Amino acid sequence: MILSAFMEKLAAKYKDYKKIVIIWDNLNIHHDGSAKRWTSFNKQHGNKFEFHYTPILSFMLLKT
């Protein structure tokens, strides 16, 4: 999976950082899912990742 490989590269590049903030849109791949993929990923990297999601339909705000 390309996204998980990218996240692994981020984790390696910023391994000395205490916190890494990721802002996701609401695409389903960005959510944990039943496998808890991002919760597991975060645990593997010392819980340094903080995930935030944009509001659903936030792209509509740009159309004003």
N, C-alpha and C. Protein backbone atom coordinates (compact mmCIF):
# COMPACT_ATOMS: atom_id res chain seq x y z
N MET A 1 0.85 -1.18 0.00
CA MET A 1 0.00 0.00 0.00
C MET A 1 0.89 1.24 0.00
N ILE A 2 0.61 2.15 -0.87
CA ILE A 2 1.43 3.34 -1.05
C ILE A 2 1.36 4.27 0.16
N LEU A 3 0.17 4.46 0.72
CA LEU A 3 0.01 5.37 1.84
C LEU A 3 0.78 4.91 3.07
N SER A 4 0.72 3.63 3.38
CA SER A 4 1.45 3.14 4.54
C SER A 4 2.97 3.25 4.33
N ALA A 5 3.44 3.05 3.11
CA ALA A 5 4.87 3.22 2.82
C ALA A 5 5.28 4.67 3.02
N PHE A 6 4.43 5.59 2.58
CA PHE A 6 4.70 7.02 2.78
C PHE A 6 4.75 7.35 4.27
N MET A 7 3.82 6.81 5.03
CA MET A 7 3.80 7.07 6.48
C MET A 7 5.04 6.50 7.16
N GLU A 8 5.50 5.35 6.70
CA GLU A 8 6.73 4.77 7.25
C GLU A 8 7.92 5.67 6.95
N LYS A 9 7.96 6.27 5.76
CA LYS A 9 9.04 7.19 5.43
C LYS A 9 9.00 8.43 6.32
N LEU A 10 7.79 8.93 6.58
CA LEU A 10 7.66 10.07 7.50
C LEU A 10 8.17 9.71 8.88
N ALA A 11 7.78 8.55 9.35
CA ALA A 11 8.19 8.10 10.68
C ALA A 11 9.72 7.99 10.77
N ALA A 12 10.34 7.48 9.72
CA ALA A 12 11.80 7.34 9.71
C ALA A 12 12.49 8.70 9.63
N LYS A 13 11.98 9.57 8.78
CA LYS A 13 12.61 10.88 8.59
C LYS A 13 12.54 11.73 9.85
N TYR A 14 11.42 11.64 10.56
CA TYR A 14 11.21 12.49 11.74
C TYR A 14 11.23 11.67 13.03
N LYS A 15 12.07 10.63 13.05
CA LYS A 15 12.10 9.72 14.20
C LYS A 15 12.47 10.41 15.51
N ASP A 16 13.18 11.50 15.46
CA ASP A 16 13.58 12.19 16.68
C ASP A 16 12.55 13.20 17.18
N TYR A 17 11.49 13.39 16.42
CA TYR A 17 10.44 14.31 16.84
C TYR A 17 9.58 13.68 17.92
N LYS A 18 9.11 14.49 18.86
CA LYS A 18 8.26 13.98 19.92
C LYS A 18 6.81 13.84 19.47
N LYS A 19 6.38 14.70 18.53
CA LYS A 19 5.01 14.64 18.05
C LYS A 19 4.98 15.00 16.57
N ILE A 20 4.19 14.24 15.83
CA ILE A 20 3.98 14.50 14.40
C ILE A 20 2.47 14.59 14.19
N VAL A 21 2.03 15.74 13.71
CA VAL A 21 0.60 15.96 13.50
C VAL A 21 0.24 15.69 12.04
N ILE A 22 -0.75 14.84 11.85
CA ILE A 22 -1.23 14.50 10.50
C ILE A 22 -2.67 14.99 10.39
N ILE A 23 -2.96 15.74 9.34
CA ILE A 23 -4.32 16.20 9.09
C ILE A 23 -4.84 15.48 7.86
N TRP A 24 -5.83 14.64 8.07
CA TRP A 24 -6.42 13.85 7.01
C TRP A 24 -7.71 14.49 6.53
N ASP A 25 -8.06 14.23 5.28
CA ASP A 25 -9.44 14.50 4.86
C ASP A 25 -10.24 13.26 5.28
N ASN A 26 -11.48 13.18 4.93
CA ASN A 26 -12.31 12.07 5.40
C ASN A 26 -12.39 10.90 4.43
N LEU A 27 -11.40 10.75 3.57
CA LEU A 27 -11.35 9.59 2.68
C LEU A 27 -11.27 8.33 3.54
N ASN A 28 -11.98 7.28 3.16
CA ASN A 28 -12.05 6.09 4.02
C ASN A 28 -10.69 5.46 4.32
N ILE A 29 -9.74 5.56 3.43
CA ILE A 29 -8.41 4.96 3.68
C ILE A 29 -7.69 5.63 4.86
N HIS A 30 -8.09 6.84 5.18
CA HIS A 30 -7.44 7.56 6.26
C HIS A 30 -7.98 7.18 7.64
N HIS A 31 -9.11 6.50 7.67
CA HIS A 31 -9.68 6.09 8.95
C HIS A 31 -9.12 4.74 9.37
N ASP A 32 -9.19 4.47 10.65
CA ASP A 32 -8.61 3.26 11.24
C ASP A 32 -9.15 1.97 10.63
N GLY A 33 -10.43 1.87 10.44
CA GLY A 33 -11.02 0.63 9.95
C GLY A 33 -11.01 -0.44 11.01
N SER A 34 -11.56 -1.58 10.68
CA SER A 34 -11.67 -2.66 11.67
C SER A 34 -10.31 -3.21 12.08
N ALA A 35 -9.32 -3.08 11.23
CA ALA A 35 -7.97 -3.58 11.54
C ALA A 35 -7.19 -2.62 12.45
N LYS A 36 -7.75 -1.43 12.70
CA LYS A 36 -7.08 -0.41 13.53
C LYS A 36 -5.68 -0.11 12.99
N ARG A 37 -5.58 0.04 11.67
CA ARG A 37 -4.26 0.19 11.04
C ARG A 37 -3.48 1.39 11.54
N TRP A 38 -4.13 2.53 11.74
CA TRP A 38 -3.38 3.71 12.17
C TRP A 38 -3.11 3.71 13.66
N THR A 39 -3.99 3.09 14.44
CA THR A 39 -3.72 2.92 15.87
C THR A 39 -2.50 2.02 16.05
N SER A 40 -2.45 0.94 15.30
CA SER A 40 -1.30 0.02 15.36
C SER A 40 -0.03 0.70 14.88
N PHE A 41 -0.14 1.42 13.78
CA PHE A 41 1.01 2.15 13.24
C PHE A 41 1.56 3.12 14.29
N ASN A 42 0.66 3.85 14.93
CA ASN A 42 1.07 4.83 15.92
C ASN A 42 1.75 4.16 17.11
N LYS A 43 1.24 3.05 17.57
CA LYS A 43 1.86 2.31 18.68
C LYS A 43 3.27 1.86 18.31
N GLN A 44 3.44 1.41 17.07
CA GLN A 44 4.76 0.96 16.61
C GLN A 44 5.78 2.10 16.61
N HIS A 45 5.29 3.32 16.55
CA HIS A 45 6.18 4.48 16.49
C HIS A 45 6.07 5.36 17.74
N GLY A 46 5.79 4.71 18.87
CA GLY A 46 5.82 5.40 20.15
C GLY A 46 4.69 6.40 20.37
N ASN A 47 3.59 6.22 19.70
CA ASN A 47 2.42 7.11 19.84
C ASN A 47 2.76 8.57 19.61
N LYS A 48 3.69 8.83 18.72
CA LYS A 48 4.08 10.22 18.44
C LYS A 48 3.19 10.88 17.39
N PHE A 49 2.37 10.08 16.70
CA PHE A 49 1.50 10.64 15.68
C PHE A 49 0.18 11.08 16.29
N GLU A 50 -0.26 12.24 15.86
CA GLU A 50 -1.55 12.78 16.29
C GLU A 50 -2.37 13.01 15.02
N PHE A 51 -3.47 12.28 14.89
CA PHE A 51 -4.30 12.34 13.69
C PHE A 51 -5.50 13.25 13.90
N HIS A 52 -5.75 14.11 12.93
CA HIS A 52 -6.92 14.98 12.94
C HIS A 52 -7.60 14.86 11.58
N TYR A 53 -8.91 15.03 11.59
CA TYR A 53 -9.68 14.90 10.36
C TYR A 53 -10.40 16.19 10.03
N THR A 54 -10.44 16.54 8.75
CA THR A 54 -11.20 17.71 8.35
C THR A 54 -12.68 17.38 8.50
N PRO A 55 -13.52 18.38 8.69
CA PRO A 55 -14.96 18.11 8.80
C PRO A 55 -15.50 17.51 7.50
N ILE A 56 -16.49 16.66 7.64
CA ILE A 56 -17.15 16.09 6.47
C ILE A 56 -17.74 17.23 5.64
N LEU A 57 -17.57 17.15 4.35
CA LEU A 57 -18.04 18.16 3.40
C LEU A 57 -17.37 19.52 3.58
N SER A 58 -16.19 19.55 4.17
CA SER A 58 -15.50 20.83 4.36
C SER A 58 -15.12 21.48 3.03
N PHE A 59 -15.00 20.69 1.96
CA PHE A 59 -14.69 21.28 0.66
C PHE A 59 -15.79 22.25 0.23
N MET A 60 -16.99 22.08 0.74
CA MET A 60 -18.09 22.98 0.38
C MET A 60 -17.85 24.38 0.92
N LEU A 61 -17.08 24.50 1.99
CA LEU A 61 -16.79 25.81 2.56
C LEU A 61 -15.97 26.66 1.60
N LEU A 62 -15.22 26.02 0.74
CA LEU A 62 -14.37 26.73 -0.20
C LEU A 62 -15.16 27.34 -1.36
N LYS A 63 -16.39 26.98 -1.50
CA LYS A 63 -17.19 27.44 -2.61
C LYS A 63 -17.92 28.75 -2.31
N THR A 64 -17.65 29.39 -1.22
CA THR A 64 -18.33 30.64 -0.88
C THR A 64 -17.72 31.81 -1.59
